[in-house]
């Protein structure tokens, strides 16, 4: 995520970069609210439909 964000923000125009930065901040806030515990179980249990 960090590499993607750095690359995208570096290539983006000012307005797009500001929007992407806001989305990254919001996504980071959501990730911080993710339940703690067994991270592997959390990832599989909540994201298996992506696989």
PDB file of N, CA and C in Angstrom:
ATOM      1  N   UNK A   1       0.829  -1.187   0.000  1.00  0.00           N
ATOM      2  CA  UNK A   1       0.000   0.000   0.000  1.00  0.00           C
ATOM      3  C   UNK A   1       0.873   1.249   0.000  1.00  0.00           C
ATOM      4  N   UNK A   2       1.908   1.222   0.820  1.00  0.00           N
ATOM      5  CA  UNK A   2       2.783   2.391   0.902  1.00  0.00           C
ATOM      6  C   UNK A   2       3.435   2.681  -0.448  1.00  0.00           C
ATOM      7  N   UNK A   3       3.959   1.638  -1.088  1.00  0.00           N
ATOM      8  CA  UNK A   3       4.620   1.830  -2.386  1.00  0.00           C
ATOM      9  C   UNK A   3       3.630   2.329  -3.427  1.00  0.00           C
ATOM     10  N   UNK A   4       2.440   1.716  -3.457  1.00  0.00           N
ATOM     11  CA  UNK A   4       1.419   2.138  -4.413  1.00  0.00           C
ATOM     12  C   UNK A   4       1.062   3.603  -4.206  1.00  0.00           C
ATOM     13  N   UNK A   5       0.812   3.977  -2.949  1.00  0.00           N
ATOM     14  CA  UNK A   5       0.439   5.360  -2.652  1.00  0.00           C
ATOM     15  C   UNK A   5       1.522   6.343  -3.031  1.00  0.00           C
ATOM     16  N   UNK A   6       2.754   6.004  -2.708  1.00  0.00           N
ATOM     17  CA  UNK A   6       3.878   6.895  -3.033  1.00  0.00           C
ATOM     18  C   UNK A   6       4.007   7.073  -4.542  1.00  0.00           C
ATOM     19  N   UNK A   7       3.891   5.975  -5.273  1.00  0.00           N
ATOM     20  CA  UNK A   7       3.985   6.057  -6.736  1.00  0.00           C
ATOM     21  C   UNK A   7       2.836   6.856  -7.326  1.00  0.00           C
ATOM     22  N   UNK A   8       1.630   6.554  -6.898  1.00  0.00           N
ATOM     23  CA  UNK A   8       0.446   7.247  -7.446  1.00  0.00           C
ATOM     24  C   UNK A   8       0.441   8.726  -7.100  1.00  0.00           C
ATOM     25  N   UNK A   9       0.775   9.047  -5.853  1.00  0.00           N
ATOM     26  CA  UNK A   9       0.779  10.454  -5.454  1.00  0.00           C
ATOM     27  C   UNK A   9       1.860  11.233  -6.200  1.00  0.00           C
ATOM     28  N   UNK A  10       2.972  10.581  -6.485  1.00  0.00           N
ATOM     29  CA  UNK A  10       4.047  11.237  -7.216  1.00  0.00           C
ATOM     30  C   UNK A  10       3.695  11.534  -8.661  1.00  0.00           C
ATOM     31  N   UNK A  11       2.807  10.732  -9.241  1.00  0.00           N
ATOM     32  CA  UNK A  11       2.411  10.890 -10.642  1.00  0.00           C
ATOM     33  C   UNK A  11       1.160  11.748 -10.814  1.00  0.00           C
ATOM     34  N   UNK A  12       0.413  11.952  -9.756  1.00  0.00           N
ATOM     35  CA  UNK A  12      -0.907  12.590  -9.852  1.00  0.00           C
ATOM     36  C   UNK A  12      -0.806  14.106  -9.923  1.00  0.00           C
ATOM     37  N   UNK A  13      -1.811  14.693 -10.558  1.00  0.00           N
ATOM     38  CA  UNK A  13      -1.958  16.145 -10.533  1.00  0.00           C
ATOM     39  C   UNK A  13      -2.393  16.538  -9.127  1.00  0.00           C
ATOM     40  N   UNK A  14      -2.271  17.819  -8.797  1.00  0.00           N
ATOM     41  CA  UNK A  14      -2.516  18.292  -7.437  1.00  0.00           C
ATOM     42  C   UNK A  14      -3.879  17.880  -6.902  1.00  0.00           C
ATOM     43  N   UNK A  15      -4.942  18.121  -7.648  1.00  0.00           N
ATOM     44  CA  UNK A  15      -6.298  17.782  -7.174  1.00  0.00           C
ATOM     45  C   UNK A  15      -6.458  16.288  -6.953  1.00  0.00           C
ATOM     46  N   UNK A  16      -5.937  15.494  -7.894  1.00  0.00           N
ATOM     47  CA  UNK A  16      -6.029  14.042  -7.769  1.00  0.00           C
ATOM     48  C   UNK A  16      -5.201  13.556  -6.580  1.00  0.00           C
ATOM     49  N   UNK A  17      -4.013  14.147  -6.381  1.00  0.00           N
ATOM     50  CA  UNK A  17      -3.151  13.752  -5.266  1.00  0.00           C
ATOM     51  C   UNK A  17      -3.824  14.042  -3.925  1.00  0.00           C
ATOM     52  N   UNK A  18      -4.488  15.189  -3.822  1.00  0.00           N
ATOM     53  CA  UNK A  18      -5.196  15.527  -2.586  1.00  0.00           C
ATOM     54  C   UNK A  18      -6.321  14.535  -2.322  1.00  0.00           C
ATOM     55  N   UNK A  19      -7.058  14.170  -3.358  1.00  0.00           N
ATOM     56  CA  UNK A  19      -8.147  13.203  -3.214  1.00  0.00           C
ATOM     57  C   UNK A  19      -7.597  11.842  -2.789  1.00  0.00           C
ATOM     58  N   UNK A  20      -6.547  11.378  -3.471  1.00  0.00           N
ATOM     59  CA  UNK A  20      -5.956  10.085  -3.125  1.00  0.00           C
ATOM     60  C   UNK A  20      -5.429  10.078  -1.695  1.00  0.00           C
ATOM     61  N   UNK A  21      -4.813  11.166  -1.282  1.00  0.00           N
ATOM     62  CA  UNK A  21      -4.303  11.248   0.090  1.00  0.00           C
ATOM     63  C   UNK A  21      -5.454  11.129   1.088  1.00  0.00           C
ATOM     64  N   UNK A  22      -6.572  11.784   0.809  1.00  0.00           N
ATOM     65  CA  UNK A  22      -7.732  11.706   1.705  1.00  0.00           C
ATOM     66  C   UNK A  22      -8.285  10.282   1.757  1.00  0.00           C
ATOM     67  N   UNK A  23      -8.332   9.599   0.614  1.00  0.00           N
ATOM     68  CA  UNK A  23      -8.815   8.220   0.579  1.00  0.00           C
ATOM     69  C   UNK A  23      -7.880   7.313   1.367  1.00  0.00           C
ATOM     70  N   UNK A  24      -6.576   7.514   1.218  1.00  0.00           N
ATOM     71  CA  UNK A  24      -5.602   6.704   1.952  1.00  0.00           C
ATOM     72  C   UNK A  24      -5.753   6.908   3.453  1.00  0.00           C
ATOM     73  N   UNK A  25      -5.953   8.150   3.880  1.00  0.00           N
ATOM     74  CA  UNK A  25      -6.147   8.430   5.304  1.00  0.00           C
ATOM     75  C   UNK A  25      -7.407   7.742   5.814  1.00  0.00           C
ATOM     76  N   UNK A  26      -8.494   7.840   5.060  1.00  0.00           N
ATOM     77  CA  UNK A  26      -9.745   7.204   5.483  1.00  0.00           C
ATOM     78  C   UNK A  26      -9.591   5.683   5.543  1.00  0.00           C
ATOM     79  N   UNK A  27      -8.940   5.108   4.542  1.00  0.00           N
ATOM     80  CA  UNK A  27      -8.709   3.665   4.529  1.00  0.00           C
ATOM     81  C   UNK A  27      -7.843   3.259   5.723  1.00  0.00           C
ATOM     82  N   UNK A  28      -6.824   4.040   6.020  1.00  0.00           N
ATOM     83  CA  UNK A  28      -5.958   3.748   7.169  1.00  0.00           C
ATOM     84  C   UNK A  28      -6.749   3.770   8.470  1.00  0.00           C
ATOM     85  N   UNK A  29      -7.652   4.732   8.592  1.00  0.00           N
ATOM     86  CA  UNK A  29      -8.503   4.788   9.788  1.00  0.00           C
ATOM     87  C   UNK A  29      -9.361   3.534   9.917  1.00  0.00           C
ATOM     88  N   UNK A  30      -9.904   3.060   8.809  1.00  0.00           N
ATOM     89  CA  UNK A  30     -10.713   1.839   8.834  1.00  0.00           C
ATOM     90  C   UNK A  30      -9.868   0.635   9.227  1.00  0.00           C
ATOM     91  N   UNK A  31      -8.664   0.547   8.699  1.00  0.00           N
ATOM     92  CA  UNK A  31      -7.773  -0.565   9.038  1.00  0.00           C
ATOM     93  C   UNK A  31      -7.462  -0.558  10.524  1.00  0.00           C
ATOM     94  N   UNK A  32      -7.260   0.618  11.111  1.00  0.00           N
ATOM     95  CA  UNK A  32      -6.963   0.707  12.541  1.00  0.00           C
ATOM     96  C   UNK A  32      -8.125   0.210  13.393  1.00  0.00           C
ATOM     97  N   UNK A  33      -9.335   0.258  12.870  1.00  0.00           N
ATOM     98  CA  UNK A  33     -10.503  -0.203  13.609  1.00  0.00           C
ATOM     99  C   UNK A  33     -10.711  -1.715  13.474  1.00  0.00           C
ATOM    100  N   UNK A  34      -9.912  -2.363  12.631  1.00  0.00           N
ATOM    101  CA  UNK A  34     -10.032  -3.801  12.400  1.00  0.00           C
ATOM    102  C   UNK A  34      -9.801  -4.540  13.711  1.00  0.00           C
ATOM    103  N   UNK A  35     -10.595  -5.561  13.989  1.00  0.00           N
ATOM    104  CA  UNK A  35     -10.443  -6.289  15.243  1.00  0.00           C
ATOM    105  C   UNK A  35      -9.042  -6.892  15.393  1.00  0.00           C
ATOM    106  N   UNK A  36      -8.554  -6.848  16.602  1.00  0.00           N
ATOM    107  CA  UNK A  36      -7.264  -7.458  16.885  1.00  0.00           C
ATOM    108  C   UNK A  36      -7.444  -8.951  17.125  1.00  0.00           C
ATOM    109  N   UNK A  37      -6.379  -9.631  17.292  1.00  0.00           N
ATOM    110  CA  UNK A  37      -6.432 -11.075  17.501  1.00  0.00           C
ATOM    111  C   UNK A  37      -5.533 -11.747  16.497  1.00  0.00           C
ATOM    112  N   UNK A  38      -5.955 -12.891  16.011  1.00  0.00           N
ATOM    113  CA  UNK A  38      -5.183 -13.632  15.030  1.00  0.00           C
ATOM    114  C   UNK A  38      -5.357 -12.966  13.668  1.00  0.00           C
ATOM    115  N   UNK A  39      -4.325 -12.262  13.232  1.00  0.00           N
ATOM    116  CA  UNK A  39      -4.436 -11.499  11.985  1.00  0.00           C
ATOM    117  C   UNK A  39      -4.725 -12.392  10.789  1.00  0.00           C
ATOM    118  N   UNK A  40      -4.127 -13.575  10.749  1.00  0.00           N
ATOM    119  CA  UNK A  40      -4.374 -14.478   9.623  1.00  0.00           C
ATOM    120  C   UNK A  40      -5.845 -14.879   9.578  1.00  0.00           C
ATOM    121  N   UNK A  41      -6.428 -15.176  10.730  1.00  0.00           N
ATOM    122  CA  UNK A  41      -7.846 -15.538  10.772  1.00  0.00           C
ATOM    123  C   UNK A  41      -8.717 -14.358  10.382  1.00  0.00           C
ATOM    124  N   UNK A  42      -8.360 -13.182  10.846  1.00  0.00           N
ATOM    125  CA  UNK A  42      -9.136 -11.991  10.500  1.00  0.00           C
ATOM    126  C   UNK A  42      -9.100 -11.746   9.000  1.00  0.00           C
ATOM    127  N   UNK A  43      -7.936 -11.871   8.403  1.00  0.00           N
ATOM    128  CA  UNK A  43      -7.822 -11.635   6.968  1.00  0.00           C
ATOM    129  C   UNK A  43      -8.641 -12.663   6.194  1.00  0.00           C
ATOM    130  N   UNK A  44      -8.522 -13.924   6.551  1.00  0.00           N
ATOM    131  CA  UNK A  44      -9.276 -14.939   5.830  1.00  0.00           C
ATOM    132  C   UNK A  44     -10.761 -14.816   6.126  1.00  0.00           C
ATOM    133  N   UNK A  45     -11.092 -14.615   7.378  1.00  0.00           N
ATOM    134  CA  UNK A  45     -12.486 -14.586   7.773  1.00  0.00           C
ATOM    135  C   UNK A  45     -13.265 -13.434   7.179  1.00  0.00           C
ATOM    136  N   UNK A  46     -12.601 -12.310   6.941  1.00  0.00           N
ATOM    137  CA  UNK A  46     -13.297 -11.135   6.439  1.00  0.00           C
ATOM    138  C   UNK A  46     -13.058 -10.871   4.962  1.00  0.00           C
ATOM    139  N   UNK A  47     -12.080 -11.534   4.371  1.00  0.00           N
ATOM    140  CA  UNK A  47     -11.724 -11.205   2.990  1.00  0.00           C
ATOM    141  C   UNK A  47     -11.735 -12.414   2.067  1.00  0.00           C
ATOM    142  N   UNK A  48     -12.248 -13.541   2.513  1.00  0.00           N
ATOM    143  CA  UNK A  48     -12.183 -14.740   1.689  1.00  0.00           C
ATOM    144  C   UNK A  48     -12.933 -14.592   0.377  1.00  0.00           C
ATOM    145  N   UNK A  49     -13.912 -13.700   0.327  1.00  0.00           N
ATOM    146  CA  UNK A  49     -14.654 -13.526  -0.907  1.00  0.00           C
ATOM    147  C   UNK A  49     -13.815 -12.844  -1.990  1.00  0.00           C
ATOM    148  N   UNK A  50     -12.667 -12.287  -1.622  1.00  0.00           N
ATOM    149  CA  UNK A  50     -11.773 -11.671  -2.603  1.00  0.00           C
ATOM    150  C   UNK A  50     -10.897 -12.711  -3.279  1.00  0.00           C
ATOM    151  N   UNK A  51     -10.765 -13.878  -2.657  1.00  0.00           N
ATOM    152  CA  UNK A  51      -9.840 -14.882  -3.186  1.00  0.00           C
ATOM    153  C   UNK A  51     -10.423 -15.632  -4.354  1.00  0.00           C
TER     154      UNK A  51
END
